[in-house]
Amino acid sequence: MEAKSQVAEIVNQDLKEAALWYNRASRNLGLLFLKEIKEEVKQIVKNPLSYEVRYADIRIAFLKRFPYAIHFEYLETENQINILAVLHTSRNPEIWKKR
């Protein structure tokens, strides 16, 4: 059974900003970015335990085409995924804690 997922509101704002930046760089690149995010989230929902725990109980899924990582926690007893951040890989991964 697939896990339920929940996305922090700040993540939606981060995704909008990144997509706008990519669209300014190249037409429709922002749409490709959002599509890859969506596809990776589908994989996370299907098999959240296949992603390595990187710090505390936070797992990270790296995108293939874009230098971004999805930071999430998996609450196994509730079969719940909480997406906490989508950050550029050059940023400190602990930045989401300060939000």
PDB file of N, CA and C in Angstrom:
ATOM      1  N   MET A   1       0.837  -1.183   0.000  1.00  0.00           N
ATOM      2  CA  MET A   1       0.000   0.000   0.000  1.00  0.00           C
ATOM      3  C   MET A   1       0.885   1.250   0.000  1.00  0.00           C
ATOM      4  N   GLU A   2       0.574   2.181  -0.896  1.00  0.00           N
ATOM      5  CA  GLU A   2       1.368   3.401  -0.992  1.00  0.00           C
ATOM      6  C   GLU A   2       1.152   4.288   0.226  1.00  0.00           C
ATOM      7  N   ALA A   3       2.200   4.993   0.571  1.00  0.00           N
ATOM      8  CA  ALA A   3       2.132   5.909   1.707  1.00  0.00           C
ATOM      9  C   ALA A   3       1.353   7.165   1.325  1.00  0.00           C
ATOM     10  N   LYS A   4       0.794   7.807   2.325  1.00  0.00           N
ATOM     11  CA  LYS A   4       0.172   9.117   2.143  1.00  0.00           C
ATOM     12  C   LYS A   4       1.300  10.139   2.184  1.00  0.00           C
ATOM     13  N   SER A   5       1.116  11.240   1.479  1.00  0.00           N
ATOM     14  CA  SER A   5       2.150  12.267   1.522  1.00  0.00           C
ATOM     15  C   SER A   5       1.562  13.615   1.887  1.00  0.00           C
ATOM     16  N   GLN A   6       2.383  14.398   2.548  1.00  0.00           N
ATOM     17  CA  GLN A   6       2.010  15.739   2.950  1.00  0.00           C
ATOM     18  C   GLN A   6       3.196  16.640   2.647  1.00  0.00           C
ATOM     19  N   VAL A   7       2.903  17.818   2.097  1.00  0.00           N
ATOM     20  CA  VAL A   7       3.954  18.750   1.704  1.00  0.00           C
ATOM     21  C   VAL A   7       3.834  20.008   2.561  1.00  0.00           C
ATOM     22  N   ALA A   8       4.940  20.400   3.176  1.00  0.00           N
ATOM     23  CA  ALA A   8       4.956  21.633   3.960  1.00  0.00           C
ATOM     24  C   ALA A   8       4.693  22.817   3.024  1.00  0.00           C
ATOM     25  N   GLU A   9       3.941  23.793   3.496  1.00  0.00           N
ATOM     26  CA  GLU A   9       3.577  24.956   2.668  1.00  0.00           C
ATOM     27  C   GLU A   9       4.801  25.685   2.128  1.00  0.00           C
ATOM     28  N   ILE A  10       5.844  25.804   2.919  1.00  0.00           N
ATOM     29  CA  ILE A  10       7.058  26.489   2.472  1.00  0.00           C
ATOM     30  C   ILE A  10       7.680  25.779   1.267  1.00  0.00           C
ATOM     31  N   VAL A  11       7.491  24.478   1.164  1.00  0.00           N
ATOM     32  CA  VAL A  11       8.023  23.711   0.035  1.00  0.00           C
ATOM     33  C   VAL A  11       7.353  24.173  -1.261  1.00  0.00           C
ATOM     34  N   ASN A  12       6.050  24.374  -1.221  1.00  0.00           N
ATOM     35  CA  ASN A  12       5.347  24.852  -2.417  1.00  0.00           C
ATOM     36  C   ASN A  12       5.892  26.198  -2.878  1.00  0.00           C
ATOM     37  N   GLN A  13       6.188  27.087  -1.934  1.00  0.00           N
ATOM     38  CA  GLN A  13       6.762  28.389  -2.281  1.00  0.00           C
ATOM     39  C   GLN A  13       8.157  28.214  -2.881  1.00  0.00           C
ATOM     40  N   ASP A  14       8.962  27.341  -2.301  1.00  0.00           N
ATOM     41  CA  ASP A  14      10.306  27.078  -2.838  1.00  0.00           C
ATOM     42  C   ASP A  14      10.232  26.540  -4.262  1.00  0.00           C
ATOM     43  N   LEU A  15       9.282  25.639  -4.506  1.00  0.00           N
ATOM     44  CA  LEU A  15       9.135  25.057  -5.842  1.00  0.00           C
ATOM     45  C   LEU A  15       8.722  26.111  -6.858  1.00  0.00           C
ATOM     46  N   LYS A  16       7.821  27.000  -6.480  1.00  0.00           N
ATOM     47  CA  LYS A  16       7.394  28.077  -7.391  1.00  0.00           C
ATOM     48  C   LYS A  16       8.573  28.964  -7.756  1.00  0.00           C
ATOM     49  N   GLU A  17       9.353  29.339  -6.744  1.00  0.00           N
ATOM     50  CA  GLU A  17      10.507  30.209  -6.988  1.00  0.00           C
ATOM     51  C   GLU A  17      11.535  29.535  -7.895  1.00  0.00           C
ATOM     52  N   ALA A  18      11.820  28.263  -7.648  1.00  0.00           N
ATOM     53  CA  ALA A  18      12.791  27.541  -8.479  1.00  0.00           C
ATOM     54  C   ALA A  18      12.269  27.391  -9.907  1.00  0.00           C
ATOM     55  N   ALA A  19      10.998  27.068 -10.065  1.00  0.00           N
ATOM     56  CA  ALA A  19      10.419  26.905 -11.405  1.00  0.00           C
ATOM     57  C   ALA A  19      10.466  28.222 -12.176  1.00  0.00           C
ATOM     58  N   LEU A  20      10.165  29.341 -11.511  1.00  0.00           N
ATOM     59  CA  LEU A  20      10.252  30.649 -12.174  1.00  0.00           C
ATOM     60  C   LEU A  20      11.677  30.952 -12.610  1.00  0.00           C
ATOM     61  N   TRP A  21      12.641  30.630 -11.741  1.00  0.00           N
ATOM     62  CA  TRP A  21      14.041  30.863 -12.086  1.00  0.00           C
ATOM     63  C   TRP A  21      14.430  30.046 -13.327  1.00  0.00           C
ATOM     64  N   TYR A  22      14.051  28.767 -13.341  1.00  0.00           N
ATOM     65  CA  TYR A  22      14.370  27.921 -14.493  1.00  0.00           C
ATOM     66  C   TYR A  22      13.657  28.396 -15.761  1.00  0.00           C
ATOM     67  N   ASN A  23      12.429  28.866 -15.643  1.00  0.00           N
ATOM     68  CA  ASN A  23      11.705  29.376 -16.817  1.00  0.00           C
ATOM     69  C   ASN A  23      12.364  30.631 -17.374  1.00  0.00           C
ATOM     70  N   ARG A  24      12.940  31.457 -16.499  1.00  0.00           N
ATOM     71  CA  ARG A  24      13.657  32.638 -16.988  1.00  0.00           C
ATOM     72  C   ARG A  24      14.944  32.215 -17.705  1.00  0.00           C
ATOM     73  N   ALA A  25      15.552  31.138 -17.243  1.00  0.00           N
ATOM     74  CA  ALA A  25      16.790  30.647 -17.862  1.00  0.00           C
ATOM     75  C   ALA A  25      16.515  30.034 -19.229  1.00  0.00           C
ATOM     76  N   SER A  26      15.419  29.300 -19.341  1.00  0.00           N
ATOM     77  CA  SER A  26      15.084  28.634 -20.602  1.00  0.00           C
ATOM     78  C   SER A  26      13.586  28.303 -20.601  1.00  0.00           C
ATOM     79  N   ARG A  27      12.940  28.605 -21.694  1.00  0.00           N
ATOM     80  CA  ARG A  27      11.494  28.391 -21.810  1.00  0.00           C
ATOM     81  C   ARG A  27      11.122  26.939 -21.466  1.00  0.00           C
ATOM     82  N   ASN A  28      10.134  26.796 -20.616  1.00  0.00           N
ATOM     83  CA  ASN A  28       9.577  25.512 -20.177  1.00  0.00           C
ATOM     84  C   ASN A  28      10.503  24.674 -19.296  1.00  0.00           C
ATOM     85  N   LEU A  29      11.685  25.170 -18.977  1.00  0.00           N
ATOM     86  CA  LEU A  29      12.582  24.407 -18.110  1.00  0.00           C
ATOM     87  C   LEU A  29      11.990  24.261 -16.706  1.00  0.00           C
ATOM     88  N   GLY A  30      11.263  25.276 -16.260  1.00  0.00           N
ATOM     89  CA  GLY A  30      10.604  25.204 -14.959  1.00  0.00           C
ATOM     90  C   GLY A  30       9.565  24.094 -14.915  1.00  0.00           C
ATOM     91  N   LEU A  31       8.855  23.908 -16.028  1.00  0.00           N
ATOM     92  CA  LEU A  31       7.873  22.825 -16.105  1.00  0.00           C
ATOM     93  C   LEU A  31       8.560  21.463 -16.037  1.00  0.00           C
ATOM     94  N   LEU A  32       9.698  21.342 -16.684  1.00  0.00           N
ATOM     95  CA  LEU A  32      10.456  20.091 -16.618  1.00  0.00           C
ATOM     96  C   LEU A  32      10.951  19.826 -15.195  1.00  0.00           C
ATOM     97  N   PHE A  33      11.356  20.882 -14.516  1.00  0.00           N
ATOM     98  CA  PHE A  33      11.787  20.770 -13.122  1.00  0.00           C
ATOM     99  C   PHE A  33      10.634  20.245 -12.256  1.00  0.00           C
ATOM    100  N   LEU A  34       9.468  20.863 -12.379  1.00  0.00           N
ATOM    101  CA  LEU A  34       8.314  20.446 -11.575  1.00  0.00           C
ATOM    102  C   LEU A  34       7.870  19.022 -11.918  1.00  0.00           C
ATOM    103  N   LYS A  35       7.989  18.661 -13.192  1.00  0.00           N
ATOM    104  CA  LYS A  35       7.632  17.298 -13.602  1.00  0.00           C
ATOM    105  C   LYS A  35       8.568  16.292 -12.940  1.00  0.00           C
ATOM    106  N   GLU A  36       9.864  16.604 -12.904  1.00  0.00           N
ATOM    107  CA  GLU A  36      10.811  15.679 -12.271  1.00  0.00           C
ATOM    108  C   GLU A  36      10.554  15.577 -10.766  1.00  0.00           C
ATOM    109  N   ILE A  37      10.210  16.685 -10.135  1.00  0.00           N
ATOM    110  CA  ILE A  37       9.856  16.657  -8.707  1.00  0.00           C
ATOM    111  C   ILE A  37       8.672  15.718  -8.501  1.00  0.00           C
ATOM    112  N   LYS A  38       7.644  15.889  -9.310  1.00  0.00           N
ATOM    113  CA  LYS A  38       6.428  15.073  -9.193  1.00  0.00           C
ATOM    114  C   LYS A  38       6.744  13.585  -9.365  1.00  0.00           C
ATOM    115  N   GLU A  39       7.566  13.259 -10.348  1.00  0.00           N
ATOM    116  CA  GLU A  39       7.930  11.858 -10.596  1.00  0.00           C
ATOM    117  C   GLU A  39       8.731  11.273  -9.428  1.00  0.00           C
ATOM    118  N   GLU A  40       9.626  12.065  -8.873  1.00  0.00           N
ATOM    119  CA  GLU A  40      10.421  11.573  -7.743  1.00  0.00           C
ATOM    120  C   GLU A  40       9.537  11.371  -6.514  1.00  0.00           C
ATOM    121  N   VAL A  41       8.592  12.267  -6.298  1.00  0.00           N
ATOM    122  CA  VAL A  41       7.673  12.109  -5.164  1.00  0.00           C
ATOM    123  C   VAL A  41       6.854  10.825  -5.341  1.00  0.00           C
ATOM    124  N   LYS A  42       6.457  10.513  -6.559  1.00  0.00           N
ATOM    125  CA  LYS A  42       5.739   9.250  -6.813  1.00  0.00           C
ATOM    126  C   LYS A  42       6.588   8.052  -6.399  1.00  0.00           C
ATOM    127  N   GLN A  43       7.887   8.100  -6.693  1.00  0.00           N
ATOM    128  CA  GLN A  43       8.787   7.006  -6.314  1.00  0.00           C
ATOM    129  C   GLN A  43       8.945   6.927  -4.798  1.00  0.00           C
ATOM    130  N   ILE A  44       9.024   8.075  -4.163  1.00  0.00           N
ATOM    131  CA  ILE A  44       9.125   8.108  -2.702  1.00  0.00           C
ATOM    132  C   ILE A  44       7.894   7.461  -2.076  1.00  0.00           C
ATOM    133  N   VAL A  45       6.724   7.825  -2.582  1.00  0.00           N
ATOM    134  CA  VAL A  45       5.466   7.291  -2.046  1.00  0.00           C
ATOM    135  C   VAL A  45       5.393   5.774  -2.230  1.00  0.00           C
ATOM    136  N   LYS A  46       5.895   5.296  -3.357  1.00  0.00           N
ATOM    137  CA  LYS A  46       5.863   3.852  -3.621  1.00  0.00           C
ATOM    138  C   LYS A  46       6.800   3.069  -2.712  1.00  0.00           C
ATOM    139  N   ASN A  47       7.976   3.630  -2.441  1.00  0.00           N
ATOM    140  CA  ASN A  47       8.970   2.885  -1.680  1.00  0.00           C
ATOM    141  C   ASN A  47       9.859   3.820  -0.848  1.00  0.00           C
ATOM    142  N   PRO A  48       9.300   4.407   0.204  1.00  0.00           N
ATOM    143  CA  PRO A  48      10.069   5.392   0.983  1.00  0.00           C
ATOM    144  C   PRO A  48      11.298   4.822   1.683  1.00  0.00           C
ATOM    145  N   LEU A  49      11.285   3.541   1.994  1.00  0.00           N
ATOM    146  CA  LEU A  49      12.423   2.957   2.704  1.00  0.00           C
ATOM    147  C   LEU A  49      13.628   2.699   1.800  1.00  0.00           C
ATOM    148  N   SER A  50      13.468   2.891   0.503  1.00  0.00           N
ATOM    149  CA  SER A  50      14.598   2.688  -0.401  1.00  0.00           C
ATOM    150  C   SER A  50      15.567   3.872  -0.390  1.00  0.00           C
ATOM    151  N   TYR A  51      15.189   4.940   0.309  1.00  0.00           N
ATOM    152  CA  TYR A  51      16.042   6.119   0.392  1.00  0.00           C
ATOM    153  C   TYR A  51      16.793   6.110   1.715  1.00  0.00           C
ATOM    154  N   GLU A  52      18.052   6.444   1.645  1.00  0.00           N
ATOM    155  CA  GLU A  52      18.937   6.414   2.807  1.00  0.00           C
ATOM    156  C   GLU A  52      18.597   7.521   3.803  1.00  0.00           C
ATOM    157  N   VAL A  53      18.661   7.187   5.083  1.00  0.00           N
ATOM    158  CA  VAL A  53      18.537   8.197   6.133  1.00  0.00           C
ATOM    159  C   VAL A  53      19.851   8.969   6.143  1.00  0.00           C
ATOM    160  N   ARG A  54      19.767  10.294   5.995  1.00  0.00           N
ATOM    161  CA  ARG A  54      20.985  11.098   5.906  1.00  0.00           C
ATOM    162  C   ARG A  54      21.331  11.805   7.206  1.00  0.00           C
ATOM    163  N   TYR A  55      20.336  12.291   7.927  1.00  0.00           N
ATOM    164  CA  TYR A  55      20.561  12.931   9.219  1.00  0.00           C
ATOM    165  C   TYR A  55      19.261  12.858  10.012  1.00  0.00           C
ATOM    166  N   ALA A  56      19.421  12.711  11.332  1.00  0.00           N
ATOM    167  CA  ALA A  56      18.250  12.481  12.203  1.00  0.00           C
ATOM    168  C   ALA A  56      17.420  11.369  11.569  1.00  0.00           C
ATOM    169  N   ASP A  57      16.164  11.603  11.331  1.00  0.00           N
ATOM    170  CA  ASP A  57      15.314  10.622  10.652  1.00  0.00           C
ATOM    171  C   ASP A  57      14.918  11.113   9.269  1.00  0.00           C
ATOM    172  N   ILE A  58      15.726  11.970   8.694  1.00  0.00           N
ATOM    173  CA  ILE A  58      15.413  12.588   7.413  1.00  0.00           C
ATOM    174  C   ILE A  58      16.081  11.816   6.287  1.00  0.00           C
ATOM    175  N   ARG A  59      15.270  11.488   5.291  1.00  0.00           N
ATOM    176  CA  ARG A  59      15.755  10.813   4.092  1.00  0.00           C
ATOM    177  C   ARG A  59      15.843  11.836   2.965  1.00  0.00           C
ATOM    178  N   ILE A  60      16.697  11.562   2.002  1.00  0.00           N
ATOM    179  CA  ILE A  60      16.875  12.499   0.895  1.00  0.00           C
ATOM    180  C   ILE A  60      16.797  11.747  -0.424  1.00  0.00           C
ATOM    181  N   ALA A  61      16.006  12.319  -1.337  1.00  0.00           N
ATOM    182  CA  ALA A  61      15.908  11.803  -2.700  1.00  0.00           C
ATOM    183  C   ALA A  61      16.509  12.856  -3.628  1.00  0.00           C
ATOM    184  N   PHE A  62      17.527  12.482  -4.370  1.00  0.00           N
ATOM    185  CA  PHE A  62      18.182  13.409  -5.289  1.00  0.00           C
ATOM    186  C   PHE A  62      17.542  13.318  -6.669  1.00  0.00           C
ATOM    187  N   LEU A  63      17.324  14.481  -7.285  1.00  0.00           N
ATOM    188  CA  LEU A  63      16.818  14.497  -8.652  1.00  0.00           C
ATOM    189  C   LEU A  63      17.941  14.104  -9.596  1.00  0.00           C
ATOM    190  N   LYS A  64      17.566  13.598 -10.747  1.00  0.00           N
ATOM    191  CA  LYS A  64      18.575  13.168 -11.717  1.00  0.00           C
ATOM    192  C   LYS A  64      19.063  14.317 -12.595  1.00  0.00           C
ATOM    193  N   ARG A  65      18.149  15.146 -13.064  1.00  0.00           N
ATOM    194  CA  ARG A  65      18.497  16.186 -14.026  1.00  0.00           C
ATOM    195  C   ARG A  65      18.844  17.524 -13.381  1.00  0.00           C
ATOM    196  N   PHE A  66      18.253  17.812 -12.252  1.00  0.00           N
ATOM    197  CA  PHE A  66      18.439  19.102 -11.603  1.00  0.00           C
ATOM    198  C   PHE A  66      19.175  18.920 -10.277  1.00  0.00           C
ATOM    199  N   PRO A  67      19.957  19.913  -9.872  1.00  0.00           N
ATOM    200  CA  PRO A  67      20.741  19.773  -8.632  1.00  0.00           C
ATOM    201  C   PRO A  67      19.918  20.091  -7.381  1.00  0.00           C
ATOM    202  N   TYR A  68      18.869  19.326  -7.189  1.00  0.00           N
ATOM    203  CA  TYR A  68      17.964  19.502  -6.044  1.00  0.00           C
ATOM    204  C   TYR A  68      17.775  18.172  -5.336  1.00  0.00           C
ATOM    205  N   ALA A  69      17.415  18.280  -4.054  1.00  0.00           N
ATOM    206  CA  ALA A  69      17.146  17.091  -3.252  1.00  0.00           C
ATOM    207  C   ALA A  69      15.855  17.308  -2.471  1.00  0.00           C
ATOM    208  N   ILE A  70      15.061  16.249  -2.394  1.00  0.00           N
ATOM    209  CA  ILE A  70      13.819  16.269  -1.625  1.00  0.00           C
ATOM    210  C   ILE A  70      14.125  15.683  -0.249  1.00  0.00           C
ATOM    211  N   HIS A  71      13.894  16.467   0.781  1.00  0.00           N
ATOM    212  CA  HIS A  71      14.136  16.044   2.157  1.00  0.00           C
ATOM    213  C   HIS A  71      12.789  15.649   2.754  1.00  0.00           C
ATOM    214  N   PHE A  72      12.713  14.413   3.250  1.00  0.00           N
ATOM    215  CA  PHE A  72      11.434  13.952   3.777  1.00  0.00           C
ATOM    216  C   PHE A  72      11.635  13.020   4.955  1.00  0.00           C
ATOM    217  N   GLU A  73      10.575  12.902   5.736  1.00  0.00           N
ATOM    218  CA  GLU A  73      10.566  11.919   6.809  1.00  0.00           C
ATOM    219  C   GLU A  73       9.461  10.918   6.499  1.00  0.00           C
ATOM    220  N   TYR A  74       9.694   9.685   6.900  1.00  0.00           N
ATOM    221  CA  TYR A  74       8.703   8.632   6.712  1.00  0.00           C
ATOM    222  C   TYR A  74       8.292   8.117   8.079  1.00  0.00           C
ATOM    223  N   LEU A  75       7.017   8.284   8.383  1.00  0.00           N
ATOM    224  CA  LEU A  75       6.456   7.795   9.635  1.00  0.00           C
ATOM    225  C   LEU A  75       5.840   6.436   9.337  1.00  0.00           C
ATOM    226  N   GLU A  76       6.617   5.407   9.594  1.00  0.00           N
ATOM    227  CA  GLU A  76       6.240   4.053   9.178  1.00  0.00           C
ATOM    228  C   GLU A  76       4.944   3.577   9.829  1.00  0.00           C
ATOM    229  N   THR A  77       4.748   3.858  11.102  1.00  0.00           N
ATOM    230  CA  THR A  77       3.543   3.373  11.788  1.00  0.00           C
ATOM    231  C   THR A  77       2.274   3.990  11.208  1.00  0.00           C
ATOM    232  N   GLU A  78       2.402   5.192  10.647  1.00  0.00           N
ATOM    233  CA  GLU A  78       1.245   5.874  10.052  1.00  0.00           C
ATOM    234  C   GLU A  78       1.236   5.775   8.526  1.00  0.00           C
ATOM    235  N   ASN A  79       2.294   5.196   7.960  1.00  0.00           N
ATOM    236  CA  ASN A  79       2.465   5.125   6.511  1.00  0.00           C
ATOM    237  C   ASN A  79       2.314   6.515   5.896  1.00  0.00           C
ATOM    238  N   GLN A  80       3.026   7.466   6.493  1.00  0.00           N
ATOM    239  CA  GLN A  80       2.914   8.876   6.130  1.00  0.00           C
ATOM    240  C   GLN A  80       4.282   9.432   5.747  1.00  0.00           C
ATOM    241  N   ILE A  81       4.320  10.158   4.633  1.00  0.00           N
ATOM    242  CA  ILE A  81       5.526  10.856   4.199  1.00  0.00           C
ATOM    243  C   ILE A  81       5.294  12.347   4.365  1.00  0.00           C
ATOM    244  N   ASN A  82       6.224  13.007   5.019  1.00  0.00           N
ATOM    245  CA  ASN A  82       6.167  14.456   5.165  1.00  0.00           C
ATOM    246  C   ASN A  82       7.345  15.048   4.406  1.00  0.00           C
ATOM    247  N   ILE A  83       7.043  15.770   3.355  1.00  0.00           N
ATOM    248  CA  ILE A  83       8.091  16.428   2.581  1.00  0.00           C
ATOM    249  C   ILE A  83       8.379  17.751   3.265  1.00  0.00           C
ATOM    250  N   LEU A  84       9.606  17.880   3.753  1.00  0.00           N
ATOM    251  CA  LEU A  84       9.985  19.010   4.592  1.00  0.00           C
ATOM    252  C   LEU A  84      10.691  20.111   3.824  1.00  0.00           C
ATOM    253  N   ALA A  85      11.400  19.733   2.760  1.00  0.00           N
ATOM    254  CA  ALA A  85      12.145  20.729   1.999  1.00  0.00           C
ATOM    255  C   ALA A  85      12.532  20.160   0.639  1.00  0.00           C
ATOM    256  N   VAL A  86      12.661  21.065  -0.315  1.00  0.00           N
ATOM    257  CA  VAL A  86      13.263  20.751  -1.613  1.00  0.00           C
ATOM    258  C   VAL A  86      14.335  21.812  -1.795  1.00  0.00           C
ATOM    259  N   LEU A  87      15.586  21.389  -1.650  1.00  0.00           N
ATOM    260  CA  LEU A  87      16.689  22.340  -1.627  1.00  0.00           C
ATOM    261  C   LEU A  87      17.711  22.062  -2.723  1.00  0.00           C
ATOM    262  N   HIS A  88      18.299  23.155  -3.196  1.00  0.00           N
ATOM    263  CA  HIS A  88      19.430  23.041  -4.123  1.00  0.00           C
ATOM    264  C   HIS A  88      20.552  22.324  -3.386  1.00  0.00           C
ATOM    265  N   THR A  89      21.257  21.456  -4.067  1.00  0.00           N
ATOM    266  CA  THR A  89      22.276  20.628  -3.406  1.00  0.00           C
ATOM    267  C   THR A  89      23.478  21.429  -2.899  1.00  0.00           C
ATOM    268  N   SER A  90      23.630  22.663  -3.344  1.00  0.00           N
ATOM    269  CA  SER A  90      24.741  23.471  -2.842  1.00  0.00           C
ATOM    270  C   SER A  90      24.412  24.150  -1.513  1.00  0.00           C
ATOM    271  N   ARG A  91      23.147  24.056  -1.093  1.00  0.00           N
ATOM    272  CA  ARG A  91      22.733  24.676   0.173  1.00  0.00           C
ATOM    273  C   ARG A  91      22.919  23.709   1.337  1.00  0.00           C
ATOM    274  N   ASN A  92      23.044  24.264   2.520  1.00  0.00           N
ATOM    275  CA  ASN A  92      23.163  23.469   3.730  1.00  0.00           C
ATOM    276  C   ASN A  92      21.870  22.676   3.923  1.00  0.00           C
ATOM    277  N   PRO A  93      21.928  21.343   3.993  1.00  0.00           N
ATOM    278  CA  PRO A  93      20.712  20.550   4.096  1.00  0.00           C
ATOM    279  C   PRO A  93      19.942  20.741   5.394  1.00  0.00           C
ATOM    280  N   GLU A  94      20.555  21.360   6.384  1.00  0.00           N
ATOM    281  CA  GLU A  94      19.881  21.567   7.659  1.00  0.00           C
ATOM    282  C   GLU A  94      19.104  22.878   7.690  1.00  0.00           C
ATOM    283  N   ILE A  95      19.082  23.616   6.572  1.00  0.00           N
ATOM    284  CA  ILE A  95      18.413  24.895   6.510  1.00  0.00           C
ATOM    285  C   ILE A  95      16.921  24.797   6.805  1.00  0.00           C
ATOM    286  N   TRP A  96      16.322  23.672   6.450  1.00  0.00           N
ATOM    287  CA  TRP A  96      14.878  23.522   6.659  1.00  0.00           C
ATOM    288  C   TRP A  96      14.511  23.572   8.135  1.00  0.00           C
ATOM    289  N   LYS A  97      15.437  23.225   9.010  1.00  0.00           N
ATOM    290  CA  LYS A  97      15.158  23.235  10.446  1.00  0.00           C
ATOM    291  C   LYS A  97      14.904  24.637  10.975  1.00  0.00           C
ATOM    292  N   LYS A  98      15.465  25.634  10.304  1.00  0.00           N
ATOM    293  CA  LYS A  98      15.356  27.018  10.755  1.00  0.00           C
ATOM    294  C   LYS A  98      14.083  27.697  10.281  1.00  0.00           C
ATOM    295  N   ARG A  99      13.294  27.023   9.469  1.00  0.00           N
ATOM    296  CA  ARG A  99      12.088  27.640   8.921  1.00  0.00           C
ATOM    297  C   ARG A  99      10.957  27.617   9.905  1.00  0.00           C
TER     298      ARG A  99
END
